[in-house]
Amino acid sequence: MLGVAGVLHLVKPEPYDRLIPRVLGTPRPWVYGSGVAEIACAVALVVPRTRRLGALASAALFVGVLPGNLTMAVRAVRSPRAGTTTKALTVARIPLQVPLITWALHVAGDAEPPPETT
């Protein structure tokens, strides 16, 4: 899921521009950066040696994108052009962050600790 979302951020960034709070300025660098971060998390989760770090980074990423999800929901709810379904979906995705964060922390807890270096 993270890898696909990350690739989509890079190849079709336009829909994600709306997620970036205006206070952060130009959205495109944030969209590309979050796409790269999602891909990096996905790769780290796949490799057993980096799974714990990848899971913790994923949890942080899910927390970090919450303001974007909130921004999108507020904009949709305030928009006279947004339909009821769009408004409902943008609001509904906010609580979905909780199971994603919980999942990532669970994976981190179950992952093998990194090997000790001497």
Protein backbone atom coordinates (compact mmCIF):
# COMPACT_ATOMS: atom_id res chain seq x y z
CA MET A 1 0.00 0.00 0.00
CA LEU A 2 2.76 2.44 0.90
CA GLY A 3 4.75 1.66 -2.22
CA VAL A 4 1.77 2.12 -4.54
CA ALA A 5 0.77 5.36 -2.84
CA GLY A 6 4.35 6.61 -3.07
CA VAL A 7 4.58 5.87 -6.77
CA LEU A 8 1.24 7.60 -7.37
CA HIS A 9 2.55 10.70 -5.58
CA LEU A 10 5.39 10.80 -8.08
CA VAL A 11 3.61 9.94 -11.34
CA LYS A 12 0.28 11.70 -10.71
CA PRO A 13 0.93 14.36 -8.05
CA GLU A 14 -1.95 16.69 -8.89
CA PRO A 15 -4.61 15.10 -6.64
CA TYR A 16 -2.24 15.22 -3.69
CA ASP A 17 -1.57 18.95 -4.03
CA ARG A 18 -4.91 19.62 -2.32
CA LEU A 19 -3.74 17.74 0.77
CA ILE A 20 -0.94 20.16 1.54
CA PRO A 21 -1.88 22.89 4.02
CA ARG A 22 -1.39 26.34 2.46
CA VAL A 23 0.83 27.38 5.35
CA LEU A 24 3.49 24.98 4.00
CA GLY A 25 3.74 26.89 0.73
CA THR A 26 4.09 25.29 -2.70
CA PRO A 27 2.57 21.82 -2.44
CA ARG A 28 4.50 19.92 -5.11
CA PRO A 29 7.79 19.50 -3.19
CA TRP A 30 5.79 18.19 -0.23
CA VAL A 31 3.89 15.79 -2.47
CA TYR A 32 7.07 14.46 -4.04
CA GLY A 33 8.80 14.26 -0.66
CA SER A 34 5.96 12.31 0.90
CA GLY A 35 5.93 9.97 -2.11
CA VAL A 36 9.62 9.25 -1.69
CA ALA A 37 9.10 8.76 2.05
CA GLU A 38 6.29 6.27 1.40
CA ILE A 39 8.43 4.29 -1.02
CA ALA A 40 11.35 4.29 1.43
CA CYS A 41 9.08 3.05 4.22
CA ALA A 42 7.69 0.31 1.97
CA VAL A 43 11.18 -0.87 1.04
CA ALA A 44 12.33 -0.79 4.66
CA LEU A 45 9.29 -2.84 5.71
CA VAL A 46 10.08 -5.55 3.16
CA VAL A 47 13.68 -6.06 4.29
CA PRO A 48 13.79 -7.99 7.60
CA ARG A 49 16.93 -6.18 8.74
CA THR A 50 15.25 -2.75 8.42
CA ARG A 51 11.64 -3.74 9.15
CA ARG A 52 11.58 -2.24 12.66
CA LEU A 53 12.96 1.09 11.47
CA GLY A 54 10.62 1.04 8.48
CA ALA A 55 7.62 0.39 10.70
CA LEU A 56 8.53 3.21 13.07
CA ALA A 57 9.11 5.53 10.12
CA SER A 58 5.74 4.45 8.70
CA ALA A 59 4.00 5.27 11.98
CA ALA A 60 5.65 8.70 11.96
CA LEU A 61 4.63 9.19 8.33
CA PHE A 62 1.00 8.31 9.11
CA VAL A 63 1.03 10.86 11.93
CA GLY A 64 2.73 13.39 9.65
CA VAL A 65 0.12 13.16 6.89
CA LEU A 66 -2.75 13.66 9.32
CA PRO A 67 -2.70 17.46 8.87
CA GLY A 68 -3.06 16.93 5.12
CA ASN A 69 -6.04 14.65 5.62
CA LEU A 70 -7.58 17.21 7.97
CA THR A 71 -6.94 19.98 5.45
CA MET A 72 -8.59 18.01 2.67
CA ALA A 73 -11.63 17.23 4.85
CA VAL A 74 -12.07 20.84 5.96
CA ARG A 75 -11.79 22.10 2.39
CA ALA A 76 -14.28 19.52 1.15
CA VAL A 77 -16.80 20.21 3.90
CA ARG A 78 -16.59 23.97 3.25
CA SER A 79 -16.78 23.63 -0.52
CA PRO A 80 -20.19 24.16 -2.13
CA ARG A 81 -18.90 22.18 -5.14
CA ALA A 82 -18.00 19.04 -3.18
CA GLY A 83 -20.70 16.40 -3.16
CA THR A 84 -21.97 14.60 -0.11
CA THR A 85 -19.98 11.47 -0.94
CA THR A 86 -16.73 13.42 -1.31
CA LYS A 87 -17.34 15.20 1.97
CA ALA A 88 -18.13 11.93 3.75
CA LEU A 89 -15.09 10.12 2.34
CA THR A 90 -12.64 12.89 3.23
CA VAL A 91 -13.95 13.02 6.79
CA ALA A 92 -14.07 9.21 7.09
CA ARG A 93 -10.42 8.78 6.18
CA ILE A 94 -9.26 10.78 9.23
CA PRO A 95 -10.02 8.05 11.80
CA LEU A 96 -8.47 5.48 9.45
CA GLN A 97 -5.08 6.89 10.45
CA VAL A 98 -5.49 5.25 13.87
CA PRO A 99 -5.43 1.63 12.64
CA LEU A 100 -2.59 2.45 10.24
CA ILE A 101 -0.50 3.90 13.06
CA THR A 102 -1.44 1.00 15.33
CA TRP A 103 -0.49 -1.51 12.62
CA ALA A 104 2.89 0.13 12.05
CA LEU A 105 3.68 0.14 15.77
CA HIS A 106 2.63 -3.51 16.02
CA VAL A 107 4.96 -4.43 13.14
CA ALA A 108 7.78 -2.51 14.84
CA GLY A 109 7.18 -4.40 18.07
CA ASP A 110 7.18 -7.75 16.29
CA ALA A 111 10.21 -7.06 14.11
CA GLU A 112 13.56 -8.51 14.95
CA PRO A 113 15.84 -6.00 16.63
CA PRO A 114 18.62 -4.74 14.39
CA PRO A 115 21.84 -6.71 14.63
CA GLU A 116 24.41 -5.36 17.04
CA THR A 117 27.42 -3.75 15.48
CA THR A 118 30.83 -4.01 17.01
